[in-house]
Protein backbone atom coordinates (compact mmCIF):
# COMPACT_ATOMS: atom_id res chain seq x y z
CA MET A 1 16.08 58.43 -26.32
CA ALA A 2 17.64 59.54 -23.06
CA ALA A 3 18.80 57.10 -20.38
CA PHE A 4 18.47 57.95 -16.71
CA GLU A 5 20.25 56.22 -13.88
CA THR A 6 17.68 55.45 -11.19
CA SER A 7 20.05 54.30 -8.47
CA ARG A 8 23.17 55.84 -7.09
CA PRO A 9 25.99 54.06 -5.31
CA ALA A 10 26.68 55.06 -1.72
CA THR A 11 29.16 57.89 -1.63
CA GLY A 12 30.76 56.68 1.55
CA SER A 13 31.28 60.21 2.74
CA LEU A 14 31.86 60.67 6.43
CA PHE A 15 29.15 63.29 6.78
CA GLY A 16 26.57 61.24 4.86
CA GLY A 17 27.31 58.15 6.95
CA ARG A 18 27.00 60.04 10.21
CA LEU A 19 23.78 61.67 9.06
CA ALA A 20 22.36 58.27 8.10
CA ASN A 21 23.37 56.84 11.49
CA LEU A 22 21.75 59.75 13.29
CA PHE A 23 18.57 59.36 11.28
CA ALA A 24 18.47 55.60 11.98
CA ALA A 25 18.97 56.25 15.71
CA LEU A 26 16.12 58.77 15.73
CA ILE A 27 13.82 56.31 13.99
CA GLU A 28 14.71 53.56 16.48
CA TRP A 29 14.19 55.91 19.44
CA ASN A 30 10.77 56.95 18.15
CA ASP A 31 9.72 53.34 17.50
CA ARG A 32 10.64 52.43 21.09
CA ARG A 33 8.81 55.48 22.42
CA VAL A 34 5.61 54.65 20.50
CA THR A 35 5.78 50.98 21.52
CA ARG A 36 6.43 51.83 25.18
CA LYS A 37 3.51 54.29 25.19
CA ALA A 38 1.12 51.75 23.64
CA LEU A 39 2.18 48.97 26.01
CA SER A 40 1.93 51.22 29.06
CA LYS A 41 -1.77 51.72 28.30
CA LEU A 42 -2.44 47.98 28.63
CA THR A 43 -3.66 46.46 31.88
CA ASP A 44 -1.48 44.02 33.80
CA ARG A 45 -3.74 41.19 32.62
CA GLU A 46 -3.38 42.23 28.98
CA LEU A 47 0.39 42.41 29.37
CA ASP A 48 0.36 38.95 30.94
CA ASP A 49 -1.64 37.65 27.97
CA ILE A 50 1.17 38.64 25.63
CA GLY A 51 3.88 37.38 27.97
CA LEU A 52 5.05 40.70 29.38
CA SER A 53 5.03 42.44 32.75
CA ARG A 54 5.34 46.08 33.81
CA GLY A 55 9.01 45.43 34.57
CA ASP A 56 9.60 44.34 30.98
CA LEU A 57 8.60 47.79 29.77
CA ASP A 58 11.69 49.25 31.43
CA ALA A 59 13.83 47.22 29.02
CA LEU A 60 12.39 49.27 26.16
CA ARG A 61 14.01 52.41 27.53
CA GLY A 62 17.46 51.27 26.42
């Protein structure tokens, strides 16, 4: 019977870490973009219902 290792420890390589950071930043940017787009389609009244205003949407640009 053969044994297979199903998990690998992090290599800690500089390139791998930077690539992971870049990928995480891209995911965060896209999440903010999708959220901002969805919220911008709401009316002022709908935004008020969830405790937001148009000015609050600018904070999502960060």
